Amino acid sequence: MRAVARARGRRRTTHEYLPALPGAGTCPQRVPLTPADADAMRATYDRLTTDFVDAASRSGALLVRDARIGTGHDACSASPFVAQYHPAATPGWDSPVPYHPNQAGMSAVAAALKRLLPERR
């Protein structure tokens, strides 16, 4: 409760998840899921996205629309914002985690957050 009291009067933000899968289909070489598992993952993702929107609306938090930012940049795309199932190590990220944001994804989310928040003086 102390954290809530300290947060009063400050801007709160929340984020959706970046999409790991395209809206339909799969790419077994990057995301080894059966079509049924991919559909179940998409359904869970859609429910979570709805929950984030609802929570932001109820709490008055600013919502960074990661789901929109990441559309077309899933693990199956040519320019993904999330790591595939067996991600390669990259400079500064020796142990990437499957389906989590990569540097391009975090940069896109940071840019959206910067646009959303007013500049402090």
PDB file of N, CA and C in Angstrom:
ATOM      1  N   MET A   1       0.811  -1.188   0.000  1.00  0.00           N
ATOM      2  CA  MET A   1       0.000   0.000   0.000  1.00  0.00           C
ATOM      3  C   MET A   1       0.860   1.260   0.000  1.00  0.00           C
ATOM      4  N   ARG A   2       2.049   1.174   0.585  1.00  0.00           N
ATOM      5  CA  ARG A   2       2.917   2.360   0.569  1.00  0.00           C
ATOM      6  C   ARG A   2       3.295   2.750  -0.846  1.00  0.00           C
ATOM      7  N   ALA A   3       3.526   1.741  -1.684  1.00  0.00           N
ATOM      8  CA  ALA A   3       3.884   2.033  -3.077  1.00  0.00           C
ATOM      9  C   ALA A   3       2.737   2.742  -3.783  1.00  0.00           C
ATOM     10  N   VAL A   4       1.503   2.334  -3.502  1.00  0.00           N
ATOM     11  CA  VAL A   4       0.343   2.984  -4.107  1.00  0.00           C
ATOM     12  C   VAL A   4       0.260   4.424  -3.624  1.00  0.00           C
ATOM     13  N   ALA A   5       0.482   4.637  -2.344  1.00  0.00           N
ATOM     14  CA  ALA A   5       0.433   6.003  -1.801  1.00  0.00           C
ATOM     15  C   ALA A   5       1.503   6.875  -2.445  1.00  0.00           C
ATOM     16  N   ARG A   6       2.692   6.330  -2.633  1.00  0.00           N
ATOM     17  CA  ARG A   6       3.761   7.109  -3.260  1.00  0.00           C
ATOM     18  C   ARG A   6       3.461   7.394  -4.725  1.00  0.00           C
ATOM     19  N   ALA A   7       2.699   6.528  -5.374  1.00  0.00           N
ATOM     20  CA  ALA A   7       2.410   6.687  -6.800  1.00  0.00           C
ATOM     21  C   ALA A   7       1.305   7.704  -7.080  1.00  0.00           C
ATOM     22  N   ARG A   8       0.556   8.087  -6.058  1.00  0.00           N
ATOM     23  CA  ARG A   8      -0.523   9.052  -6.290  1.00  0.00           C
ATOM     24  C   ARG A   8       0.040  10.333  -6.895  1.00  0.00           C
ATOM     25  N   GLY A   9      -0.636  10.815  -7.907  1.00  0.00           N
ATOM     26  CA  GLY A   9      -0.197  12.040  -8.556  1.00  0.00           C
ATOM     27  C   GLY A   9       0.880  11.828  -9.611  1.00  0.00           C
ATOM     28  N   ARG A  10       1.323  10.608  -9.783  1.00  0.00           N
ATOM     29  CA  ARG A  10       2.337  10.309 -10.792  1.00  0.00           C
ATOM     30  C   ARG A  10       1.694   9.549 -11.941  1.00  0.00           C
ATOM     31  N   ARG A  11       2.330   9.595 -13.088  1.00  0.00           N
ATOM     32  CA  ARG A  11       1.847   8.852 -14.245  1.00  0.00           C
ATOM     33  C   ARG A  11       2.191   7.379 -14.085  1.00  0.00           C
ATOM     34  N   ARG A  12       1.232   6.537 -14.280  1.00  0.00           N
ATOM     35  CA  ARG A  12       1.456   5.094 -14.267  1.00  0.00           C
ATOM     36  C   ARG A  12       1.293   4.592 -15.689  1.00  0.00           C
ATOM     37  N   THR A  13       2.105   3.632 -16.037  1.00  0.00           N
ATOM     38  CA  THR A  13       2.006   3.029 -17.364  1.00  0.00           C
ATOM     39  C   THR A  13       1.906   1.522 -17.214  1.00  0.00           C
ATOM     40  N   THR A  14       1.347   0.916 -18.199  1.00  0.00           N
ATOM     41  CA  THR A  14       1.366  -0.538 -18.303  1.00  0.00           C
ATOM     42  C   THR A  14       1.558  -0.883 -19.771  1.00  0.00           C
ATOM     43  N   HIS A  15       1.979  -2.101 -19.993  1.00  0.00           N
ATOM     44  CA  HIS A  15       2.289  -2.548 -21.356  1.00  0.00           C
ATOM     45  C   HIS A  15       1.572  -3.850 -21.646  1.00  0.00           C
ATOM     46  N   GLU A  16       1.224  -4.025 -22.900  1.00  0.00           N
ATOM     47  CA  GLU A  16       0.790  -5.331 -23.371  1.00  0.00           C
ATOM     48  C   GLU A  16       2.066  -6.121 -23.694  1.00  0.00           C
ATOM     49  N   TYR A  17       1.886  -7.332 -24.184  1.00  0.00           N
ATOM     50  CA  TYR A  17       3.019  -8.122 -24.655  1.00  0.00           C
ATOM     51  C   TYR A  17       3.204  -7.912 -26.149  1.00  0.00           C
ATOM     52  N   LEU A  18       4.441  -7.960 -26.593  1.00  0.00           N
ATOM     53  CA  LEU A  18       4.703  -8.006 -28.031  1.00  0.00           C
ATOM     54  C   LEU A  18       4.275  -9.381 -28.538  1.00  0.00           C
ATOM     55  N   PRO A  19       3.694  -9.456 -29.722  1.00  0.00           N
ATOM     56  CA  PRO A  19       3.240 -10.763 -30.219  1.00  0.00           C
ATOM     57  C   PRO A  19       4.400 -11.665 -30.627  1.00  0.00           C
ATOM     58  N   ALA A  20       4.321 -12.922 -30.209  1.00  0.00           N
ATOM     59  CA  ALA A  20       5.326 -13.906 -30.599  1.00  0.00           C
ATOM     60  C   ALA A  20       4.941 -14.611 -31.885  1.00  0.00           C
ATOM     61  N   LEU A  21       3.644 -14.652 -32.178  1.00  0.00           N
ATOM     62  CA  LEU A  21       3.148 -15.360 -33.360  1.00  0.00           C
ATOM     63  C   LEU A  21       2.406 -14.418 -34.295  1.00  0.00           C
ATOM     64  N   PRO A  22       2.374 -14.759 -35.581  1.00  0.00           N
ATOM     65  CA  PRO A  22       1.537 -13.980 -36.493  1.00  0.00           C
ATOM     66  C   PRO A  22       0.059 -14.271 -36.194  1.00  0.00           C
ATOM     67  N   GLY A  23      -0.827 -13.494 -36.773  1.00  0.00           N
ATOM     68  CA  GLY A  23      -2.257 -13.676 -36.541  1.00  0.00           C
ATOM     69  C   GLY A  23      -2.786 -15.029 -36.981  1.00  0.00           C
ATOM     70  N   ALA A  24      -2.118 -15.658 -37.914  1.00  0.00           N
ATOM     71  CA  ALA A  24      -2.510 -16.989 -38.393  1.00  0.00           C
ATOM     72  C   ALA A  24      -1.264 -17.713 -38.866  1.00  0.00           C
ATOM     73  N   GLY A  25      -1.327 -19.034 -38.844  1.00  0.00           N
ATOM     74  CA  GLY A  25      -0.216 -19.837 -39.335  1.00  0.00           C
ATOM     75  C   GLY A  25       0.901 -19.985 -38.322  1.00  0.00           C
ATOM     76  N   THR A  26       1.920 -20.694 -38.733  1.00  0.00           N
ATOM     77  CA  THR A  26       3.090 -20.934 -37.889  1.00  0.00           C
ATOM     78  C   THR A  26       4.344 -20.901 -38.757  1.00  0.00           C
ATOM     79  N   CYS A  27       5.475 -20.934 -38.116  1.00  0.00           N
ATOM     80  CA  CYS A  27       6.761 -21.047 -38.808  1.00  0.00           C
ATOM     81  C   CYS A  27       7.591 -22.046 -38.004  1.00  0.00           C
ATOM     82  N   PRO A  28       7.420 -23.327 -38.250  1.00  0.00           N
ATOM     83  CA  PRO A  28       8.027 -24.371 -37.417  1.00  0.00           C
ATOM     84  C   PRO A  28       9.533 -24.244 -37.219  1.00  0.00           C
ATOM     85  N   GLN A  29      10.238 -23.647 -38.192  1.00  0.00           N
ATOM     86  CA  GLN A  29      11.688 -23.516 -38.048  1.00  0.00           C
ATOM     87  C   GLN A  29      12.052 -22.507 -36.963  1.00  0.00           C
ATOM     88  N   ARG A  30      11.174 -21.563 -36.653  1.00  0.00           N
ATOM     89  CA  ARG A  30      11.454 -20.541 -35.640  1.00  0.00           C
ATOM     90  C   ARG A  30      10.613 -20.721 -34.384  1.00  0.00           C
ATOM     91  N   VAL A  31       9.402 -21.230 -34.564  1.00  0.00           N
ATOM     92  CA  VAL A  31       8.473 -21.417 -33.449  1.00  0.00           C
ATOM     93  C   VAL A  31       7.885 -22.820 -33.579  1.00  0.00           C
ATOM     94  N   PRO A  32       8.521 -23.818 -32.946  1.00  0.00           N
ATOM     95  CA  PRO A  32       8.105 -25.213 -33.147  1.00  0.00           C
ATOM     96  C   PRO A  32       6.844 -25.568 -32.348  1.00  0.00           C
ATOM     97  N   LEU A  33       5.708 -25.068 -32.816  1.00  0.00           N
ATOM     98  CA  LEU A  33       4.427 -25.382 -32.191  1.00  0.00           C
ATOM     99  C   LEU A  33       3.536 -26.083 -33.207  1.00  0.00           C
ATOM    100  N   THR A  34       2.701 -26.972 -32.725  1.00  0.00           N
ATOM    101  CA  THR A  34       1.690 -27.541 -33.603  1.00  0.00           C
ATOM    102  C   THR A  34       0.675 -26.439 -33.919  1.00  0.00           C
ATOM    103  N   PRO A  35      -0.081 -26.566 -34.990  1.00  0.00           N
ATOM    104  CA  PRO A  35      -1.110 -25.571 -35.265  1.00  0.00           C
ATOM    105  C   PRO A  35      -2.083 -25.383 -34.089  1.00  0.00           C
ATOM    106  N   ALA A  36      -2.449 -26.475 -33.425  1.00  0.00           N
ATOM    107  CA  ALA A  36      -3.357 -26.367 -32.276  1.00  0.00           C
ATOM    108  C   ALA A  36      -2.702 -25.600 -31.121  1.00  0.00           C
ATOM    109  N   ASP A  37      -1.430 -25.881 -30.859  1.00  0.00           N
ATOM    110  CA  ASP A  37      -0.727 -25.156 -29.791  1.00  0.00           C
ATOM    111  C   ASP A  37      -0.563 -23.684 -30.148  1.00  0.00           C
ATOM    112  N   ALA A  38      -0.305 -23.392 -31.410  1.00  0.00           N
ATOM    113  CA  ALA A  38      -0.183 -21.994 -31.844  1.00  0.00           C
ATOM    114  C   ALA A  38      -1.520 -21.272 -31.657  1.00  0.00           C
ATOM    115  N   ASP A  39      -2.621 -21.930 -32.000  1.00  0.00           N
ATOM    116  CA  ASP A  39      -3.939 -21.320 -31.813  1.00  0.00           C
ATOM    117  C   ASP A  39      -4.211 -21.072 -30.330  1.00  0.00           C
ATOM    118  N   ALA A  40      -3.831 -22.024 -29.476  1.00  0.00           N
ATOM    119  CA  ALA A  40      -4.022 -21.852 -28.033  1.00  0.00           C
ATOM    120  C   ALA A  40      -3.157 -20.696 -27.512  1.00  0.00           C
ATOM    121  N   MET A  41      -1.932 -20.589 -28.014  1.00  0.00           N
ATOM    122  CA  MET A  41      -1.052 -19.493 -27.604  1.00  0.00           C
ATOM    123  C   MET A  41      -1.643 -18.147 -28.040  1.00  0.00           C
ATOM    124  N   ARG A  42      -2.174 -18.079 -29.253  1.00  0.00           N
ATOM    125  CA  ARG A  42      -2.806 -16.843 -29.735  1.00  0.00           C
ATOM    126  C   ARG A  42      -4.029 -16.486 -28.888  1.00  0.00           C
ATOM    127  N   ALA A  43      -4.831 -17.472 -28.529  1.00  0.00           N
ATOM    128  CA  ALA A  43      -6.026 -17.216 -27.717  1.00  0.00           C
ATOM    129  C   ALA A  43      -5.624 -16.667 -26.341  1.00  0.00           C
ATOM    130  N   THR A  44      -4.594 -17.243 -25.745  1.00  0.00           N
ATOM    131  CA  THR A  44      -4.109 -16.742 -24.454  1.00  0.00           C
ATOM    132  C   THR A  44      -3.580 -15.321 -24.605  1.00  0.00           C
ATOM    133  N   TYR A  45      -2.834 -15.072 -25.658  1.00  0.00           N
ATOM    134  CA  TYR A  45      -2.294 -13.738 -25.934  1.00  0.00           C
ATOM    135  C   TYR A  45      -3.435 -12.727 -26.083  1.00  0.00           C
ATOM    136  N   ASP A  46      -4.470 -13.092 -26.825  1.00  0.00           N
ATOM    137  CA  ASP A  46      -5.608 -12.186 -27.022  1.00  0.00           C
ATOM    138  C   ASP A  46      -6.305 -11.877 -25.695  1.00  0.00           C
ATOM    139  N   ARG A  47      -6.482 -12.886 -24.851  1.00  0.00           N
ATOM    140  CA  ARG A  47      -7.100 -12.655 -23.531  1.00  0.00           C
ATOM    141  C   ARG A  47      -6.237 -11.733 -22.678  1.00  0.00           C
ATOM    142  N   LEU A  48      -4.931 -11.970 -22.667  1.00  0.00           N
ATOM    143  CA  LEU A  48      -4.041 -11.117 -21.881  1.00  0.00           C
ATOM    144  C   LEU A  48      -4.050  -9.676 -22.394  1.00  0.00           C
ATOM    145  N   THR A  49      -4.065  -9.508 -23.701  1.00  0.00           N
ATOM    146  CA  THR A  49      -4.110  -8.161 -24.278  1.00  0.00           C
ATOM    147  C   THR A  49      -5.384  -7.448 -23.845  1.00  0.00           C
ATOM    148  N   THR A  50      -6.507  -8.136 -23.884  1.00  0.00           N
ATOM    149  CA  THR A  50      -7.775  -7.560 -23.428  1.00  0.00           C
ATOM    150  C   THR A  50      -7.695  -7.207 -21.942  1.00  0.00           C
ATOM    151  N   ASP A  51      -7.092  -8.073 -21.149  1.00  0.00           N
ATOM    152  CA  ASP A  51      -6.953  -7.808 -19.712  1.00  0.00           C
ATOM    153  C   ASP A  51      -6.096  -6.567 -19.454  1.00  0.00           C
ATOM    154  N   PHE A  52      -5.014  -6.396 -20.210  1.00  0.00           N
ATOM    155  CA  PHE A  52      -4.179  -5.200 -20.039  1.00  0.00           C
ATOM    156  C   PHE A  52      -4.949  -3.933 -20.391  1.00  0.00           C
ATOM    157  N   VAL A  53      -5.717  -3.971 -21.471  1.00  0.00           N
ATOM    158  CA  VAL A  53      -6.524  -2.814 -21.870  1.00  0.00           C
ATOM    159  C   VAL A  53      -7.535  -2.488 -20.764  1.00  0.00           C
ATOM    160  N   ASP A  54      -8.217  -3.507 -20.269  1.00  0.00           N
ATOM    161  CA  ASP A  54      -9.202  -3.302 -19.201  1.00  0.00           C
ATOM    162  C   ASP A  54      -8.557  -2.758 -17.930  1.00  0.00           C
ATOM    163  N   ALA A  55      -7.428  -3.324 -17.545  1.00  0.00           N
ATOM    164  CA  ALA A  55      -6.749  -2.880 -16.320  1.00  0.00           C
ATOM    165  C   ALA A  55      -6.287  -1.431 -16.448  1.00  0.00           C
ATOM    166  N   ALA A  56      -5.752  -1.066 -17.599  1.00  0.00           N
ATOM    167  CA  ALA A  56      -5.313   0.321 -17.792  1.00  0.00           C
ATOM    168  C   ALA A  56      -6.507   1.265 -17.734  1.00  0.00           C
ATOM    169  N   SER A  57      -7.598   0.859 -18.338  1.00  0.00           N
ATOM    170  CA  SER A  57      -8.801   1.693 -18.333  1.00  0.00           C
ATOM    171  C   SER A  57      -9.336   1.878 -16.914  1.00  0.00           C
ATOM    172  N   ARG A  58      -9.402   0.809 -16.145  1.00  0.00           N
ATOM    173  CA  ARG A  58      -9.921   0.886 -14.771  1.00  0.00           C
ATOM    174  C   ARG A  58      -9.013   1.680 -13.847  1.00  0.00           C
ATOM    175  N   SER A  59      -7.717   1.592 -14.060  1.00  0.00           N
ATOM    176  CA  SER A  59      -6.773   2.231 -13.131  1.00  0.00           C
ATOM    177  C   SER A  59      -6.362   3.638 -13.557  1.00  0.00           C
ATOM    178  N   GLY A  60      -6.661   3.993 -14.789  1.00  0.00           N
ATOM    179  CA  GLY A  60      -6.229   5.291 -15.292  1.00  0.00           C
ATOM    180  C   GLY A  60      -4.783   5.306 -15.757  1.00  0.00           C
ATOM    181  N   ALA A  61      -4.181   4.135 -15.865  1.00  0.00           N
ATOM    182  CA  ALA A  61      -2.788   4.060 -16.318  1.00  0.00           C
ATOM    183  C   ALA A  61      -2.722   4.309 -17.820  1.00  0.00           C
ATOM    184  N   LEU A  62      -1.618   4.874 -18.256  1.00  0.00           N
ATOM    185  CA  LEU A  62      -1.352   5.001 -19.687  1.00  0.00           C
ATOM    186  C   LEU A  62      -0.991   3.621 -20.215  1.00  0.00           C
ATOM    187  N   LEU A  63      -1.506   3.269 -21.368  1.00  0.00           N
ATOM    188  CA  LEU A  63      -1.253   1.948 -21.935  1.00  0.00           C
ATOM    189  C   LEU A  63      -0.367   2.070 -23.156  1.00  0.00           C
ATOM    190  N   VAL A  64       0.770   1.402 -23.113  1.00  0.00           N
ATOM    191  CA  VAL A  64       1.637   1.306 -24.283  1.00  0.00           C
ATOM    192  C   VAL A  64       1.149   0.084 -25.054  1.00  0.00           C
ATOM    193  N   ARG A  65       0.713   0.307 -26.284  1.00  0.00           N
ATOM    194  CA  ARG A  65       0.061  -0.735 -27.074  1.00  0.00           C
ATOM    195  C   ARG A  65       1.092  -1.615 -27.784  1.00  0.00           C
ATOM    196  N   ASP A  66       1.808  -2.405 -26.999  1.00  0.00           N
ATOM    197  CA  ASP A  66       2.838  -3.280 -27.552  1.00  0.00           C
ATOM    198  C   ASP A  66       2.274  -4.231 -28.612  1.00  0.00           C
ATOM    199  N   ALA A  67       1.029  -4.655 -28.438  1.00  0.00           N
ATOM    200  CA  ALA A  67       0.422  -5.557 -29.426  1.00  0.00           C
ATOM    201  C   ALA A  67       0.358  -4.892 -30.797  1.00  0.00           C
ATOM    202  N   ARG A  68       0.022  -3.623 -30.835  1.00  0.00           N
ATOM    203  CA  ARG A  68      -0.016  -2.897 -32.110  1.00  0.00           C
ATOM    204  C   ARG A  68       1.384  -2.627 -32.631  1.00  0.00           C
ATOM    205  N   ILE A  69       2.269  -2.234 -31.726  1.00  0.00           N
ATOM    206  CA  ILE A  69       3.659  -1.946 -32.109  1.00  0.00           C
ATOM    207  C   ILE A  69       4.296  -3.171 -32.763  1.00  0.00           C
ATOM    208  N   GLY A  70       4.002  -4.351 -32.232  1.00  0.00           N
ATOM    209  CA  GLY A  70       4.632  -5.573 -32.707  1.00  0.00           C
ATOM    210  C   GLY A  70       3.939  -6.265 -33.857  1.00  0.00           C
ATOM    211  N   THR A  71       2.793  -5.737 -34.301  1.00  0.00           N
ATOM    212  CA  THR A  71       2.100  -6.369 -35.422  1.00  0.00           C
ATOM    213  C   THR A  71       3.016  -6.383 -36.646  1.00  0.00           C
ATOM    214  N   GLY A  72       3.198  -7.561 -37.205  1.00  0.00           N
ATOM    215  CA  GLY A  72       4.096  -7.723 -38.348  1.00  0.00           C
ATOM    216  C   GLY A  72       5.544  -7.945 -37.946  1.00  0.00           C
ATOM    217  N   HIS A  73       5.806  -7.976 -36.636  1.00  0.00           N
ATOM    218  CA  HIS A  73       7.177  -8.169 -36.146  1.00  0.00           C
ATOM    219  C   HIS A  73       7.253  -9.346 -35.180  1.00  0.00           C
ATOM    220  N   ASP A  74       6.418 -10.352 -35.389  1.00  0.00           N
ATOM    221  CA  ASP A  74       6.425 -11.554 -34.552  1.00  0.00           C
ATOM    222  C   ASP A  74       7.660 -12.391 -34.875  1.00  0.00           C
ATOM    223  N   ALA A  75       7.841 -13.492 -34.169  1.00  0.00           N
ATOM    224  CA  ALA A  75       9.032 -14.332 -34.347  1.00  0.00           C
ATOM    225  C   ALA A  75       9.129 -14.938 -35.740  1.00  0.00           C
ATOM    226  N   CYS A  76       8.030 -14.985 -36.474  1.00  0.00           N
ATOM    227  CA  CYS A  76       8.041 -15.543 -37.833  1.00  0.00           C
ATOM    228  C   CYS A  76       8.382 -14.510 -38.904  1.00  0.00           C
ATOM    229  N   SER A  77       8.415 -13.244 -38.547  1.00  0.00           N
ATOM    230  CA  SER A  77       8.615 -12.184 -39.541  1.00  0.00           C
ATOM    231  C   SER A  77      10.089 -12.020 -39.916  1.00  0.00           C
ATOM    232  N   ALA A  78      10.310 -11.272 -40.983  1.00  0.00           N
ATOM    233  CA  ALA A  78      11.679 -10.978 -41.416  1.00  0.00           C
ATOM    234  C   ALA A  78      12.361  -9.984 -40.479  1.00  0.00           C
ATOM    235  N   SER A  79      11.579  -9.202 -39.741  1.00  0.00           N
ATOM    236  CA  SER A  79      12.140  -8.234 -38.784  1.00  0.00           C
ATOM    237  C   SER A  79      11.434  -8.376 -37.447  1.00  0.00           C
ATOM    238  N   PRO A  80      11.737  -9.467 -36.736  1.00  0.00           N
ATOM    239  CA  PRO A  80      11.037  -9.751 -35.483  1.00  0.00           C
ATOM    240  C   PRO A  80      11.418  -8.808 -34.344  1.00  0.00           C
ATOM    241  N   PHE A  81      10.445  -8.551 -33.469  1.00  0.00           N
ATOM    242  CA  PHE A  81      10.671  -7.791 -32.237  1.00  0.00           C
ATOM    243  C   PHE A  81      10.788  -8.720 -31.033  1.00  0.00           C
ATOM    244  N   VAL A  82      10.630 -10.030 -31.266  1.00  0.00           N
ATOM    245  CA  VAL A  82      10.777 -11.026 -30.212  1.00  0.00           C
ATOM    246  C   VAL A  82      11.709 -12.128 -30.700  1.00  0.00           C
ATOM    247  N   ALA A  83      12.343 -12.799 -29.755  1.00  0.00           N
ATOM    248  CA  ALA A  83      13.252 -13.897 -30.090  1.00  0.00           C
ATOM    249  C   ALA A  83      12.456 -15.122 -30.523  1.00  0.00           C
ATOM    250  N   GLN A  84      13.040 -15.893 -31.404  1.00  0.00           N
ATOM    251  CA  GLN A  84      12.420 -17.162 -31.787  1.00  0.00           C
ATOM    252  C   GLN A  84      12.673 -18.195 -30.686  1.00  0.00           C
ATOM    253  N   TYR A  85      12.269 -19.434 -30.913  1.00  0.00           N
ATOM    254  CA  TYR A  85      12.384 -20.462 -29.886  1.00  0.00           C
ATOM    255  C   TYR A  85      13.830 -20.759 -29.506  1.00  0.00           C
ATOM    256  N   HIS A  86      14.718 -20.814 -30.480  1.00  0.00           N
ATOM    257  CA  HIS A  86      16.150 -21.039 -30.234  1.00  0.00           C
ATOM    258  C   HIS A  86      16.907 -19.783 -30.644  1.00  0.00           C
ATOM    259  N   PRO A  87      16.813 -18.731 -29.825  1.00  0.00           N
ATOM    260  CA  PRO A  87      17.448 -17.475 -30.227  1.00  0.00           C
ATOM    261  C   PRO A  87      18.967 -17.552 -30.190  1.00  0.00           C
ATOM    262  N   ALA A  88      19.569 -16.841 -31.111  1.00  0.00           N
ATOM    263  CA  ALA A  88      21.033 -16.751 -31.145  1.00  0.00           C
ATOM    264  C   ALA A  88      21.498 -15.684 -30.162  1.00  0.00           C
ATOM    265  N   ALA A  89      22.639 -15.904 -29.570  1.00  0.00           N
ATOM    266  CA  ALA A  89      23.231 -14.881 -28.704  1.00  0.00           C
ATOM    267  C   ALA A  89      23.633 -13.691 -29.566  1.00  0.00           C
ATOM    268  N   THR A  90      23.444 -12.523 -29.040  1.00  0.00           N
ATOM    269  CA  THR A  90      23.812 -11.297 -29.747  1.00  0.00           C
ATOM    270  C   THR A  90      24.640 -10.435 -28.806  1.00  0.00           C
ATOM    271  N   PRO A  91      25.387  -9.473 -29.326  1.00  0.00           N
ATOM    272  CA  PRO A  91      26.175  -8.613 -28.443  1.00  0.00           C
ATOM    273  C   PRO A  91      25.281  -7.956 -27.388  1.00  0.00           C
ATOM    274  N   GLY A  92      25.691  -8.100 -26.150  1.00  0.00           N
ATOM    275  CA  GLY A  92      24.935  -7.524 -25.040  1.00  0.00           C
ATOM    276  C   GLY A  92      23.794  -8.407 -24.558  1.00  0.00           C
ATOM    277  N   TRP A  93      23.556  -9.518 -25.230  1.00  0.00           N
ATOM    278  CA  TRP A  93      22.459 -10.420 -24.861  1.00  0.00           C
ATOM    279  C   TRP A  93      22.923 -11.842 -25.111  1.00  0.00           C
ATOM    280  N   ASP A  94      23.787 -12.324 -24.239  1.00  0.00           N
ATOM    281  CA  ASP A  94      24.413 -13.627 -24.425  1.00  0.00           C
ATOM    282  C   ASP A  94      23.457 -14.792 -24.229  1.00  0.00           C
ATOM    283  N   SER A  95      22.402 -14.594 -23.426  1.00  0.00           N
ATOM    284  CA  SER A  95      21.449 -15.669 -23.143  1.00  0.00           C
ATOM    285  C   SER A  95      20.019 -15.200 -23.384  1.00  0.00           C
ATOM    286  N   PRO A  96      19.648 -14.960 -24.643  1.00  0.00           N
ATOM    287  CA  PRO A  96      18.291 -14.485 -24.917  1.00  0.00           C
ATOM    288  C   PRO A  96      17.252 -15.532 -24.525  1.00  0.00           C
ATOM    289  N   VAL A  97      16.068 -15.070 -24.198  1.00  0.00           N
ATOM    290  CA  VAL A  97      14.984 -15.933 -23.756  1.00  0.00           C
ATOM    291  C   VAL A  97      13.971 -16.076 -24.899  1.00  0.00           C
ATOM    292  N   PRO A  98      13.561 -17.291 -25.232  1.00  0.00           N
ATOM    293  CA  PRO A  98      12.594 -17.477 -26.310  1.00  0.00           C
ATOM    294  C   PRO A  98      11.327 -16.646 -26.114  1.00  0.00           C
ATOM    295  N   TYR A  99      10.861 -16.060 -27.191  1.00  0.00           N
ATOM    296  CA  TYR A  99       9.606 -15.312 -27.270  1.00  0.00           C
ATOM    297  C   TYR A  99       9.609 -14.024 -26.457  1.00  0.00           C
ATOM    298  N   HIS A 100      10.735 -13.597 -25.967  1.00  0.00           N
ATOM    299  CA  HIS A 100      10.848 -12.330 -25.238  1.00  0.00           C
ATOM    300  C   HIS A 100      11.382 -11.255 -26.187  1.00  0.00           C
ATOM    301  N   PRO A 101      11.165 -10.002 -25.849  1.00  0.00           N
ATOM    302  CA  PRO A 101      11.605  -8.916 -26.744  1.00  0.00           C
ATOM    303  C   PRO A 101      13.102  -8.946 -27.008  1.00  0.00           C
ATOM    304  N   ASN A 102      13.459  -8.629 -28.239  1.00  0.00           N
ATOM    305  CA  ASN A 102      14.859  -8.434 -28.589  1.00  0.00           C
ATOM    306  C   ASN A 102      15.153  -6.925 -28.559  1.00  0.00           C
ATOM    307  N   GLN A 103      16.331  -6.530 -28.965  1.00  0.00           N
ATOM    308  CA  GLN A 103      16.695  -5.113 -28.905  1.00  0.00           C
ATOM    309  C   GLN A 103      15.792  -4.254 -29.788  1.00  0.00           C
ATOM    310  N   ALA A 104      15.470  -4.752 -30.983  1.00  0.00           N
ATOM    311  CA  ALA A 104      14.587  -3.990 -31.871  1.00  0.00           C
ATOM    312  C   ALA A 104      13.214  -3.802 -31.234  1.00  0.00           C
ATOM    313  N   GLY A 105      12.706  -4.845 -30.597  1.00  0.00           N
ATOM    314  CA  GLY A 105      11.407  -4.752 -29.927  1.00  0.00           C
ATOM    315  C   GLY A 105      11.426  -3.777 -28.768  1.00  0.00           C
ATOM    316  N   MET A 106      12.458  -3.840 -27.957  1.00  0.00           N
ATOM    317  CA  MET A 106      12.539  -2.922 -26.811  1.00  0.00           C
ATOM    318  C   MET A 106      12.737  -1.490 -27.271  1.00  0.00           C
ATOM    319  N   SER A 107      13.479  -1.295 -28.353  1.00  0.00           N
ATOM    320  CA  SER A 107      13.650   0.058 -28.891  1.00  0.00           C
ATOM    321  C   SER A 107      12.325   0.615 -29.396  1.00  0.00           C
ATOM    322  N   ALA A 108      11.516  -0.218 -30.054  1.00  0.00           N
ATOM    323  CA  ALA A 108      10.210   0.228 -30.542  1.00  0.00           C
ATOM    324  C   ALA A 108       9.277   0.560 -29.382  1.00  0.00           C
ATOM    325  N   VAL A 109       9.302  -0.251 -28.343  1.00  0.00           N
ATOM    326  CA  VAL A 109       8.466  -0.004 -27.168  1.00  0.00           C
ATOM    327  C   VAL A 109       8.934   1.277 -26.452  1.00  0.00           C
ATOM    328  N   ALA A 110      10.232   1.452 -26.320  1.00  0.00           N
ATOM    329  CA  ALA A 110      10.761   2.661 -25.667  1.00  0.00           C
ATOM    330  C   ALA A 110      10.364   3.917 -26.441  1.00  0.00           C
ATOM    331  N   ALA A 111      10.420   3.856 -27.763  1.00  0.00           N
ATOM    332  CA  ALA A 111      10.030   5.006 -28.581  1.00  0.00           C
ATOM    333  C   ALA A 111       8.541   5.320 -28.388  1.00  0.00           C
ATOM    334  N   ALA A 112       7.714   4.298 -28.309  1.00  0.00           N
ATOM    335  CA  ALA A 112       6.276   4.505 -28.088  1.00  0.00           C
ATOM    336  C   ALA A 112       6.025   5.096 -26.708  1.00  0.00           C
ATOM    337  N   LEU A 113       6.735   4.619 -25.718  1.00  0.00           N
ATOM    338  CA  LEU A 113       6.593   5.155 -24.362  1.00  0.00           C
ATOM    339  C   LEU A 113       7.012   6.620 -24.322  1.00  0.00           C
ATOM    340  N   LYS A 114       8.087   6.941 -24.999  1.00  0.00           N
ATOM    341  CA  LYS A 114       8.558   8.329 -25.040  1.00  0.00           C
ATOM    342  C   LYS A 114       7.511   9.243 -25.680  1.00  0.00           C
ATOM    343  N   ARG A 115       6.861   8.769 -26.750  1.00  0.00           N
ATOM    344  CA  ARG A 115       5.803   9.558 -27.395  1.00  0.00           C
ATOM    345  C   ARG A 115       4.583   9.716 -26.487  1.00  0.00           C
ATOM    346  N   LEU A 116       4.323   8.733 -25.663  1.00  0.00           N
ATOM    347  CA  LEU A 116       3.144   8.726 -24.804  1.00  0.00           C
ATOM    348  C   LEU A 116       3.297   9.649 -23.594  1.00  0.00           C
ATOM    349  N   LEU A 117       4.498   9.717 -23.055  1.00  0.00           N
ATOM    350  CA  LEU A 117       4.726  10.506 -21.845  1.00  0.00           C
ATOM    351  C   LEU A 117       5.089  11.949 -22.178  1.00  0.00           C
ATOM    352  N   PRO A 118       4.545  12.887 -21.427  1.00  0.00           N
ATOM    353  CA  PRO A 118       4.938  14.270 -21.642  1.00  0.00           C
ATOM    354  C   PRO A 118       6.390  14.478 -21.212  1.00  0.00           C
ATOM    355  N   GLU A 119       7.047  15.386 -21.862  1.00  0.00           N
ATOM    356  CA  GLU A 119       8.443  15.678 -21.515  1.00  0.00           C
ATOM    357  C   GLU A 119       8.486  16.411 -20.186  1.00  0.00           C
ATOM    358  N   ARG A 120       9.394  15.974 -19.327  1.00  0.00           N
ATOM    359  CA  ARG A 120       9.558  16.617 -18.013  1.00  0.00           C
ATOM    360  C   ARG A 120      10.550  17.748 -18.117  1.00  0.00           C
ATOM    361  N   ARG A 121      10.267  18.801 -17.456  1.00  0.00           N
ATOM    362  CA  ARG A 121      11.185  19.958 -17.451  1.00  0.00           C
ATOM    363  C   ARG A 121      11.703  20.198 -16.081  1.00  0.00           C
TER     364      ARG A 121
END
